PDB file of N, CA and C in Angstrom:
ATOM      1  N   UNK A   1       0.844  -1.166   0.007  1.00  0.00           N
ATOM      2  CA  UNK A   1      -0.007  -0.010  -0.012  1.00  0.00           C
ATOM      3  C   UNK A   1       0.888   1.234   0.006  1.00  0.00           C
ATOM      4  N   UNK A   2       0.624   2.150  -0.886  1.00  0.00           N
ATOM      5  CA  UNK A   2       1.384   3.436  -0.892  1.00  0.00           C
ATOM      6  C   UNK A   2       0.695   4.353   0.095  1.00  0.00           C
ATOM      7  N   UNK A   3       1.305   4.539   1.230  1.00  0.00           N
ATOM      8  CA  UNK A   3       0.700   5.354   2.282  1.00  0.00           C
ATOM      9  C   UNK A   3       1.762   6.054   3.037  1.00  0.00           C
ATOM     10  N   UNK A   4       1.312   6.870   3.935  1.00  0.00           N
ATOM     11  CA  UNK A   4       2.190   7.596   4.841  1.00  0.00           C
ATOM     12  C   UNK A   4       2.357   6.769   6.107  1.00  0.00           C
ATOM     13  N   UNK A   5       3.507   6.727   6.685  1.00  0.00           N
ATOM     14  CA  UNK A   5       3.726   5.982   7.900  1.00  0.00           C
ATOM     15  C   UNK A   5       3.629   6.906   9.100  1.00  0.00           C
ATOM     16  N   UNK A   6       2.826   6.490  10.106  1.00  0.00           N
ATOM     17  CA  UNK A   6       2.632   7.200  11.307  1.00  0.00           C
ATOM     18  C   UNK A   6       3.001   6.279  12.444  1.00  0.00           C
ATOM     19  N   UNK A   7       3.800   6.719  13.377  1.00  0.00           N
ATOM     20  CA  UNK A   7       4.173   5.936  14.567  1.00  0.00           C
ATOM     21  C   UNK A   7       2.950   5.820  15.490  1.00  0.00           C
ATOM     22  N   UNK A   8       2.879   4.752  16.244  1.00  0.00           N
ATOM     23  CA  UNK A   8       1.800   4.611  17.188  1.00  0.00           C
ATOM     24  C   UNK A   8       2.341   4.720  18.583  1.00  0.00           C
ATOM     25  N   UNK A   9       1.431   4.723  19.525  1.00  0.00           N
ATOM     26  CA  UNK A   9       1.813   4.813  20.941  1.00  0.00           C
ATOM     27  C   UNK A   9       2.661   3.601  21.346  1.00  0.00           C
ATOM     28  N   UNK A  10       2.403   2.481  20.696  1.00  0.00           N
ATOM     29  CA  UNK A  10       3.194   1.286  21.040  1.00  0.00           C
ATOM     30  C   UNK A  10       4.447   1.141  20.198  1.00  0.00           C
ATOM     31  N   UNK A  11       4.767   2.156  19.423  1.00  0.00           N
ATOM     32  CA  UNK A  11       5.941   2.104  18.600  1.00  0.00           C
ATOM     33  C   UNK A  11       5.760   1.355  17.233  1.00  0.00           C
ATOM     34  N   UNK A  12       4.544   0.947  16.987  1.00  0.00           N
ATOM     35  CA  UNK A  12       4.234   0.260  15.744  1.00  0.00           C
ATOM     36  C   UNK A  12       4.067   1.301  14.638  1.00  0.00           C
ATOM     37  N   UNK A  13       4.071   0.817  13.403  1.00  0.00           N
ATOM     38  CA  UNK A  13       3.858   1.764  12.263  1.00  0.00           C
ATOM     39  C   UNK A  13       2.651   1.279  11.469  1.00  0.00           C
ATOM     40  N   UNK A  14       1.824   2.198  11.082  1.00  0.00           N
ATOM     41  CA  UNK A  14       0.658   1.902  10.302  1.00  0.00           C
ATOM     42  C   UNK A  14       0.678   2.694   9.001  1.00  0.00           C
ATOM     43  N   UNK A  15       0.287   2.122   7.904  1.00  0.00           N
ATOM     44  CA  UNK A  15       0.182   2.798   6.631  1.00  0.00           C
ATOM     45  C   UNK A  15      -1.140   3.506   6.546  1.00  0.00           C
ATOM     46  N   UNK A  16      -1.111   4.760   6.185  1.00  0.00           N
ATOM     47  CA  UNK A  16      -2.362   5.540   6.002  1.00  0.00           C
ATOM     48  C   UNK A  16      -2.371   5.998   4.552  1.00  0.00           C
ATOM     49  N   UNK A  17      -3.453   5.685   3.911  1.00  0.00           N
ATOM     50  CA  UNK A  17      -3.603   6.042   2.501  1.00  0.00           C
ATOM     51  C   UNK A  17      -3.577   7.523   2.321  1.00  0.00           C
ATOM     52  N   UNK A  18      -2.959   8.009   1.187  1.00  0.00           N
ATOM     53  CA  UNK A  18      -2.965   9.463   0.945  1.00  0.00           C
ATOM     54  C   UNK A  18      -4.354  10.038   0.921  1.00  0.00           C
ATOM     55  N   UNK A  19      -5.329   9.320   0.376  1.00  0.00           N
ATOM     56  CA  UNK A  19      -6.715   9.843   0.332  1.00  0.00           C
ATOM     57  C   UNK A  19      -7.277  10.022   1.750  1.00  0.00           C
ATOM     58  N   UNK A  20      -6.933   9.079   2.659  1.00  0.00           N
ATOM     59  CA  UNK A  20      -7.382   9.149   4.027  1.00  0.00           C
ATOM     60  C   UNK A  20      -6.733  10.395   4.719  1.00  0.00           C
ATOM     61  N   UNK A  21      -5.478  10.568   4.512  1.00  0.00           N
ATOM     62  CA  UNK A  21      -4.762  11.722   5.124  1.00  0.00           C
ATOM     63  C   UNK A  21      -5.350  13.028   4.546  1.00  0.00           C
ATOM     64  N   UNK A  22      -5.651  13.040   3.262  1.00  0.00           N
ATOM     65  CA  UNK A  22      -6.200  14.244   2.632  1.00  0.00           C
ATOM     66  C   UNK A  22      -7.543  14.597   3.168  1.00  0.00           C
ATOM     67  N   UNK A  23      -8.394  13.606   3.366  1.00  0.00           N
ATOM     68  CA  UNK A  23      -9.727  13.847   3.936  1.00  0.00           C
ATOM     69  C   UNK A  23      -9.623  14.320   5.410  1.00  0.00           C
ATOM     70  N   UNK A  24      -8.710  13.745   6.157  1.00  0.00           N
ATOM     71  CA  UNK A  24      -8.572  14.187   7.541  1.00  0.00           C
ATOM     72  C   UNK A  24      -8.041  15.645   7.575  1.00  0.00           C
ATOM     73  N   UNK A  25      -7.198  16.000   6.623  1.00  0.00           N
ATOM     74  CA  UNK A  25      -6.714  17.383   6.526  1.00  0.00           C
ATOM     75  C   UNK A  25      -7.880  18.306   6.207  1.00  0.00           C
ATOM     76  N   UNK A  26      -8.780  17.934   5.321  1.00  0.00           N
ATOM     77  CA  UNK A  26      -9.934  18.766   5.024  1.00  0.00           C
ATOM     78  C   UNK A  26     -10.801  18.875   6.257  1.00  0.00           C
ATOM     79  N   UNK A  27     -11.051  17.798   6.957  1.00  0.00           N
ATOM     80  CA  UNK A  27     -11.880  17.817   8.152  1.00  0.00           C
ATOM     81  C   UNK A  27     -11.289  18.727   9.242  1.00  0.00           C
ATOM     82  N   UNK A  28      -9.978  18.595   9.465  1.00  0.00           N
ATOM     83  CA  UNK A  28      -9.270  19.406  10.455  1.00  0.00           C
ATOM     84  C   UNK A  28      -9.293  20.860  10.088  1.00  0.00           C
ATOM     85  N   UNK A  29      -9.089  21.204   8.806  1.00  0.00           N
ATOM     86  CA  UNK A  29      -9.111  22.602   8.380  1.00  0.00           C
ATOM     87  C   UNK A  29     -10.532  23.206   8.537  1.00  0.00           C
ATOM     88  N   UNK A  30     -11.535  22.452   8.143  1.00  0.00           N
ATOM     89  CA  UNK A  30     -12.917  22.987   8.272  1.00  0.00           C
ATOM     90  C   UNK A  30     -13.308  23.101   9.751  1.00  0.00           C
ATOM     91  N   UNK A  31     -12.860  22.151  10.573  1.00  0.00           N
ATOM     92  CA  UNK A  31     -13.149  22.249  12.023  1.00  0.00           C
ATOM     93  C   UNK A  31     -12.472  23.465  12.617  1.00  0.00           C
ATOM     94  N   UNK A  32     -11.240  23.717  12.218  1.00  0.00           N
ATOM     95  CA  UNK A  32     -10.567  24.920  12.733  1.00  0.00           C
ATOM     96  C   UNK A  32     -11.309  26.207  12.320  1.00  0.00           C
ATOM     97  N   UNK A  33     -11.705  26.228  11.028  1.00  0.00           N
ATOM     98  CA  UNK A  33     -12.403  27.399  10.554  1.00  0.00           C
ATOM     99  C   UNK A  33     -13.737  27.568  11.266  1.00  0.00           C
ATOM    100  N   UNK A  34     -14.429  26.477  11.570  1.00  0.00           N
ATOM    101  CA  UNK A  34     -15.667  26.558  12.304  1.00  0.00           C
ATOM    102  C   UNK A  34     -15.440  27.133  13.718  1.00  0.00           C
ATOM    103  N   UNK A  35     -14.397  26.617  14.428  1.00  0.00           N
ATOM    104  CA  UNK A  35     -14.098  27.093  15.735  1.00  0.00           C
ATOM    105  C   UNK A  35     -13.735  28.611  15.704  1.00  0.00           C
ATOM    106  N   UNK A  36     -13.003  28.985  14.678  1.00  0.00           N
ATOM    107  CA  UNK A  36     -12.571  30.380  14.603  1.00  0.00           C
ATOM    108  C   UNK A  36     -13.764  31.313  14.391  1.00  0.00           C
ATOM    109  N   UNK A  37     -14.666  30.951  13.449  1.00  0.00           N
ATOM    110  CA  UNK A  37     -15.791  31.787  13.181  1.00  0.00           C
ATOM    111  C   UNK A  37     -16.780  31.770  14.314  1.00  0.00           C
ATOM    112  N   UNK A  38     -16.863  30.663  15.053  1.00  0.00           N
ATOM    113  CA  UNK A  38     -17.785  30.627  16.206  1.00  0.00           C
ATOM    114  C   UNK A  38     -17.316  31.628  17.308  1.00  0.00           C
ATOM    115  N   UNK A  39     -16.013  31.716  17.465  1.00  0.00           N
ATOM    116  CA  UNK A  39     -15.485  32.758  18.391  1.00  0.00           C
ATOM    117  C   UNK A  39     -15.844  34.148  17.949  1.00  0.00           C
ATOM    118  N   UNK A  40     -15.769  34.410  16.674  1.00  0.00           N
ATOM    119  CA  UNK A  40     -16.101  35.721  16.101  1.00  0.00           C
ATOM    120  C   UNK A  40     -17.593  35.952  16.317  1.00  0.00           C
ATOM    121  N   UNK A  41     -18.416  34.947  16.036  1.00  0.00           N
ATOM    122  CA  UNK A  41     -19.878  35.116  16.186  1.00  0.00           C
ATOM    123  C   UNK A  41     -20.290  35.346  17.664  1.00  0.00           C
ATOM    124  N   UNK A  42     -19.484  34.862  18.614  1.00  0.00           N
ATOM    125  CA  UNK A  42     -19.766  35.149  19.977  1.00  0.00           C
ATOM    126  C   UNK A  42     -19.731  36.650  20.294  1.00  0.00           C
ATOM    127  N   UNK A  43     -18.861  37.339  19.594  1.00  0.00           N
ATOM    128  CA  UNK A  43     -18.751  38.776  19.840  1.00  0.00           C
ATOM    129  C   UNK A  43     -19.443  39.634  18.768  1.00  0.00           C
ATOM    130  N   UNK A  44     -19.834  38.967  17.654  1.00  0.00           N
ATOM    131  CA  UNK A  44     -20.526  39.675  16.543  1.00  0.00           C
ATOM    132  C   UNK A  44     -21.731  38.886  16.110  1.00  0.00           C
ATOM    133  N   UNK A  45     -22.684  38.687  16.979  1.00  0.00           N
ATOM    134  CA  UNK A  45     -23.796  37.725  16.679  1.00  0.00           C
ATOM    135  C   UNK A  45     -24.703  38.172  15.543  1.00  0.00           C
ATOM    136  N   UNK A  46     -24.668  39.437  15.148  1.00  0.00           N
ATOM    137  CA  UNK A  46     -25.534  39.885  14.061  1.00  0.00           C
ATOM    138  C   UNK A  46     -24.815  39.914  12.663  1.00  0.00           C
ATOM    139  N   UNK A  47     -23.607  39.425  12.659  1.00  0.00           N
ATOM    140  CA  UNK A  47     -22.856  39.455  11.381  1.00  0.00           C
ATOM    141  C   UNK A  47     -23.404  38.360  10.421  1.00  0.00           C
ATOM    142  N   UNK A  48     -24.099  38.796   9.426  1.00  0.00           N
ATOM    143  CA  UNK A  48     -24.647  37.858   8.439  1.00  0.00           C
ATOM    144  C   UNK A  48     -23.546  37.217   7.633  1.00  0.00           C
ATOM    145  N   UNK A  49     -22.452  37.968   7.370  1.00  0.00           N
ATOM    146  CA  UNK A  49     -21.342  37.410   6.604  1.00  0.00           C
ATOM    147  C   UNK A  49     -20.678  36.293   7.362  1.00  0.00           C
ATOM    148  N   UNK A  50     -20.474  36.485   8.652  1.00  0.00           N
ATOM    149  CA  UNK A  50     -19.831  35.454   9.485  1.00  0.00           C
ATOM    150  C   UNK A  50     -20.766  34.220   9.609  1.00  0.00           C
ATOM    151  N   UNK A  51     -22.037  34.434   9.733  1.00  0.00           N
ATOM    152  CA  UNK A  51     -22.992  33.333   9.789  1.00  0.00           C
ATOM    153  C   UNK A  51     -23.017  32.513   8.490  1.00  0.00           C
ATOM    154  N   UNK A  52     -22.964  33.245   7.359  1.00  0.00           N
ATOM    155  CA  UNK A  52     -22.929  32.552   6.082  1.00  0.00           C
ATOM    156  C   UNK A  52     -21.631  31.764   5.915  1.00  0.00           C
ATOM    157  N   UNK A  53     -20.506  32.352   6.396  1.00  0.00           N
ATOM    158  CA  UNK A  53     -19.182  31.627   6.370  1.00  0.00           C
ATOM    159  C   UNK A  53     -19.320  30.370   7.226  1.00  0.00           C
ATOM    160  N   UNK A  54     -19.910  30.513   8.444  1.00  0.00           N
ATOM    161  CA  UNK A  54     -20.036  29.344   9.353  1.00  0.00           C
ATOM    162  C   UNK A  54     -20.811  28.238   8.644  1.00  0.00           C
ATOM    163  N   UNK A  55     -21.941  28.608   8.021  1.00  0.00           N
ATOM    164  CA  UNK A  55     -22.781  27.595   7.334  1.00  0.00           C
ATOM    165  C   UNK A  55     -21.995  26.899   6.214  1.00  0.00           C
ATOM    166  N   UNK A  56     -21.159  27.662   5.512  1.00  0.00           N
ATOM    167  CA  UNK A  56     -20.391  27.150   4.404  1.00  0.00           C
ATOM    168  C   UNK A  56     -19.320  26.159   4.913  1.00  0.00           C
ATOM    169  N   UNK A  57     -18.551  26.539   5.937  1.00  0.00           N
ATOM    170  CA  UNK A  57     -17.528  25.619   6.452  1.00  0.00           C
ATOM    171  C   UNK A  57     -18.129  24.418   7.169  1.00  0.00           C
ATOM    172  N   UNK A  58     -19.300  24.590   7.797  1.00  0.00           N
ATOM    173  CA  UNK A  58     -19.949  23.492   8.438  1.00  0.00           C
ATOM    174  C   UNK A  58     -20.409  22.474   7.389  1.00  0.00           C
ATOM    175  N   UNK A  59     -20.911  22.931   6.253  1.00  0.00           N
ATOM    176  CA  UNK A  59     -21.295  22.033   5.161  1.00  0.00           C
ATOM    177  C   UNK A  59     -20.069  21.328   4.586  1.00  0.00           C
ATOM    178  N   UNK A  60     -18.954  22.030   4.428  1.00  0.00           N
ATOM    179  CA  UNK A  60     -17.723  21.458   3.947  1.00  0.00           C
ATOM    180  C   UNK A  60     -17.284  20.364   4.880  1.00  0.00           C
ATOM    181  N   UNK A  61     -17.346  20.603   6.193  1.00  0.00           N
ATOM    182  CA  UNK A  61     -16.929  19.622   7.177  1.00  0.00           C
ATOM    183  C   UNK A  61     -17.836  18.362   7.141  1.00  0.00           C
ATOM    184  N   UNK A  62     -19.148  18.628   7.092  1.00  0.00           N
ATOM    185  CA  UNK A  62     -20.060  17.459   7.009  1.00  0.00           C
ATOM    186  C   UNK A  62     -19.789  16.620   5.796  1.00  0.00           C
ATOM    187  N   UNK A  63     -19.529  17.255   4.692  1.00  0.00           N
ATOM    188  CA  UNK A  63     -19.234  16.543   3.437  1.00  0.00           C
ATOM    189  C   UNK A  63     -17.947  15.739   3.538  1.00  0.00           C
ATOM    190  N   UNK A  64     -16.894  16.328   4.114  1.00  0.00           N
ATOM    191  CA  UNK A  64     -15.629  15.631   4.262  1.00  0.00           C
ATOM    192  C   UNK A  64     -15.747  14.493   5.249  1.00  0.00           C
ATOM    193  N   UNK A  65     -16.475  14.678   6.328  1.00  0.00           N
ATOM    194  CA  UNK A  65     -16.701  13.618   7.315  1.00  0.00           C
ATOM    195  C   UNK A  65     -17.462  12.458   6.670  1.00  0.00           C
ATOM    196  N   UNK A  66     -18.488  12.758   5.926  1.00  0.00           N
ATOM    197  CA  UNK A  66     -19.272  11.715   5.209  1.00  0.00           C
ATOM    198  C   UNK A  66     -18.437  10.940   4.260  1.00  0.00           C
ATOM    199  N   UNK A  67     -17.584  11.662   3.456  1.00  0.00           N
ATOM    200  CA  UNK A  67     -16.715  10.969   2.533  1.00  0.00           C
ATOM    201  C   UNK A  67     -15.698  10.120   3.262  1.00  0.00           C
ATOM    202  N   UNK A  68     -15.165  10.606   4.366  1.00  0.00           N
ATOM    203  CA  UNK A  68     -14.196   9.812   5.120  1.00  0.00           C
ATOM    204  C   UNK A  68     -14.872   8.530   5.651  1.00  0.00           C
ATOM    205  N   UNK A  69     -16.020   8.682   6.273  1.00  0.00           N
ATOM    206  CA  UNK A  69     -16.695   7.561   6.861  1.00  0.00           C
ATOM    207  C   UNK A  69     -17.143   6.502   5.794  1.00  0.00           C
ATOM    208  N   UNK A  70     -17.532   6.976   4.627  1.00  0.00           N
ATOM    209  CA  UNK A  70     -17.853   6.000   3.559  1.00  0.00           C
ATOM    210  C   UNK A  70     -16.661   5.157   3.192  1.00  0.00           C
ATOM    211  N   UNK A  71     -15.490   5.773   3.181  1.00  0.00           N
ATOM    212  CA  UNK A  71     -14.288   5.070   2.720  1.00  0.00           C
ATOM    213  C   UNK A  71     -13.507   4.384   3.821  1.00  0.00           C
ATOM    214  N   UNK A  72     -13.476   4.923   5.013  1.00  0.00           N
ATOM    215  CA  UNK A  72     -12.550   4.455   6.028  1.00  0.00           C
ATOM    216  C   UNK A  72     -13.187   4.090   7.369  1.00  0.00           C
ATOM    217  N   UNK A  73     -14.480   4.301   7.504  1.00  0.00           N
ATOM    218  CA  UNK A  73     -15.152   3.946   8.735  1.00  0.00           C
ATOM    219  C   UNK A  73     -15.455   5.176   9.583  1.00  0.00           C
ATOM    220  N   UNK A  74     -16.119   4.942  10.676  1.00  0.00           N
ATOM    221  CA  UNK A  74     -16.642   6.081  11.500  1.00  0.00           C
ATOM    222  C   UNK A  74     -15.552   6.832  12.199  1.00  0.00           C
ATOM    223  N   UNK A  75     -15.726   8.126  12.349  1.00  0.00           N
ATOM    224  CA  UNK A  75     -14.835   8.979  13.109  1.00  0.00           C
ATOM    225  C   UNK A  75     -15.348   9.134  14.539  1.00  0.00           C
ATOM    226  N   UNK A  76     -16.624   8.992  14.720  1.00  0.00           N
ATOM    227  CA  UNK A  76     -17.240   9.133  16.042  1.00  0.00           C
ATOM    228  C   UNK A  76     -17.993   7.874  16.363  1.00  0.00           C
ATOM    229  N   UNK A  77     -18.027   7.487  17.590  1.00  0.00           N
ATOM    230  CA  UNK A  77     -18.677   6.217  17.980  1.00  0.00           C
ATOM    231  C   UNK A  77     -20.131   6.236  17.659  1.00  0.00           C
ATOM    232  N   UNK A  78     -20.792   7.390  17.664  1.00  0.00           N
ATOM    233  CA  UNK A  78     -22.216   7.435  17.350  1.00  0.00           C
ATOM    234  C   UNK A  78     -22.489   7.378  15.874  1.00  0.00           C
ATOM    235  N   UNK A  79     -21.477   7.265  15.036  1.00  0.00           N
ATOM    236  CA  UNK A  79     -21.651   7.140  13.608  1.00  0.00           C
ATOM    237  C   UNK A  79     -21.408   5.710  13.121  1.00  0.00           C
ATOM    238  N   UNK A  80     -21.236   4.752  13.982  1.00  0.00           N
ATOM    239  CA  UNK A  80     -21.073   3.332  13.615  1.00  0.00           C
ATOM    240  C   UNK A  80     -22.388   2.880  13.057  1.00  0.00           C
ATOM    241  N   UNK A  81     -22.352   2.256  11.879  1.00  0.00           N
ATOM    242  CA  UNK A  81     -23.532   1.770  11.242  1.00  0.00           C
ATOM    243  C   UNK A  81     -23.293   0.323  10.805  1.00  0.00           C
ATOM    244  N   UNK A  82     -24.336  -0.313  10.351  1.00  0.00           N
ATOM    245  CA  UNK A  82     -24.254  -1.663   9.830  1.00  0.00           C
ATOM    246  C   UNK A  82     -24.537  -2.693  10.883  1.00  0.00           C
ATOM    247  N   UNK A  83     -24.249  -3.933  10.586  1.00  0.00           N
ATOM    248  CA  UNK A  83     -24.594  -5.069  11.453  1.00  0.00           C
ATOM    249  C   UNK A  83     -23.402  -5.547  12.264  1.00  0.00           C
ATOM    250  N   UNK A  84     -22.296  -4.884  12.181  1.00  0.00           N
ATOM    251  CA  UNK A  84     -21.118  -5.327  12.967  1.00  0.00           C
ATOM    252  C   UNK A  84     -20.606  -4.128  13.769  1.00  0.00           C
ATOM    253  N   UNK A  85     -19.934  -4.428  14.861  1.00  0.00           N
ATOM    254  CA  UNK A  85     -19.363  -3.384  15.722  1.00  0.00           C
ATOM    255  C   UNK A  85     -17.856  -3.308  15.435  1.00  0.00           C
ATOM    256  N   UNK A  86     -17.470  -2.351  14.591  1.00  0.00           N
ATOM    257  CA  UNK A  86     -16.099  -2.229  14.154  1.00  0.00           C
ATOM    258  C   UNK A  86     -15.318  -1.121  14.896  1.00  0.00           C
ATOM    259  N   UNK A  87     -15.987  -0.433  15.797  1.00  0.00           N
ATOM    260  CA  UNK A  87     -15.381   0.721  16.435  1.00  0.00           C
ATOM    261  C   UNK A  87     -14.063   0.327  17.140  1.00  0.00           C
ATOM    262  N   UNK A  88     -14.045  -0.802  17.814  1.00  0.00           N
ATOM    263  CA  UNK A  88     -12.881  -1.165  18.588  1.00  0.00           C
ATOM    264  C   UNK A  88     -11.793  -1.771  17.721  1.00  0.00           C
ATOM    265  N   UNK A  89     -12.093  -2.106  16.437  1.00  0.00           N
ATOM    266  CA  UNK A  89     -11.062  -2.688  15.571  1.00  0.00           C
ATOM    267  C   UNK A  89     -10.271  -1.653  14.765  1.00  0.00           C
ATOM    268  N   UNK A  90     -10.718  -0.423  14.786  1.00  0.00           N
ATOM    269  CA  UNK A  90     -10.050   0.644  14.057  1.00  0.00           C
ATOM    270  C   UNK A  90      -8.884   1.225  14.907  1.00  0.00           C
ATOM    271  N   UNK A  91      -7.918   1.803  14.247  1.00  0.00           N
ATOM    272  CA  UNK A  91      -6.839   2.459  14.969  1.00  0.00           C
ATOM    273  C   UNK A  91      -7.305   3.786  15.516  1.00  0.00           C
ATOM    274  N   UNK A  92      -7.004   4.102  16.719  1.00  0.00           N
ATOM    275  CA  UNK A  92      -7.296   5.378  17.334  1.00  0.00           C
ATOM    276  C   UNK A  92      -6.265   6.381  16.958  1.00  0.00           C
ATOM    277  N   UNK A  93      -6.524   7.701  17.013  1.00  0.00           N
ATOM    278  CA  UNK A  93      -5.575   8.715  16.564  1.00  0.00           C
ATOM    279  C   UNK A  93      -4.191   8.522  17.225  1.00  0.00           C
ATOM    280  N   UNK A  94      -4.148   8.215  18.500  1.00  0.00           N
ATOM    281  CA  UNK A  94      -2.856   8.045  19.116  1.00  0.00           C
ATOM    282  C   UNK A  94      -2.132   6.702  18.790  1.00  0.00           C
ATOM    283  N   UNK A  95      -2.834   5.869  18.037  1.00  0.00           N
ATOM    284  CA  UNK A  95      -2.272   4.604  17.576  1.00  0.00           C
ATOM    285  C   UNK A  95      -1.856   4.709  16.122  1.00  0.00           C
ATOM    286  N   UNK A  96      -1.947   5.908  15.548  1.00  0.00           N
ATOM    287  CA  UNK A  96      -1.569   6.127  14.173  1.00  0.00           C
ATOM    288  C   UNK A  96      -2.697   6.282  13.215  1.00  0.00           C
ATOM    289  N   UNK A  97      -3.953   6.211  13.687  1.00  0.00           N
ATOM    290  CA  UNK A  97      -5.057   6.472  12.792  1.00  0.00           C
ATOM    291  C   UNK A  97      -5.196   7.940  12.573  1.00  0.00           C
ATOM    292  N   UNK A  98      -5.738   8.284  11.410  1.00  0.00           N
ATOM    293  CA  UNK A  98      -5.832   9.716  11.093  1.00  0.00           C
ATOM    294  C   UNK A  98      -6.944  10.323  11.911  1.00  0.00           C
TER     295      UNK A  98
END
């Protein structure tokens, strides 16, 4: 597999696909943008421009999370779907998961 190597808490190495890393980067960037604009909205609650920006980055984040979960599994425990419980079989972020 052509992937990026990330060290784990146990010193093991896991391969992460470039597409997986790219989606996590999109999720992290959109999450940061959401946090940033939420702070702005706390002090400027009537800013329609900031509210529109928030809605835009929130939609981008939802889209990236949905794409990630379709390809690589759930990011949050409450997003586990299907007939099997795979949450505990995935790598956690500190184990090298994205």
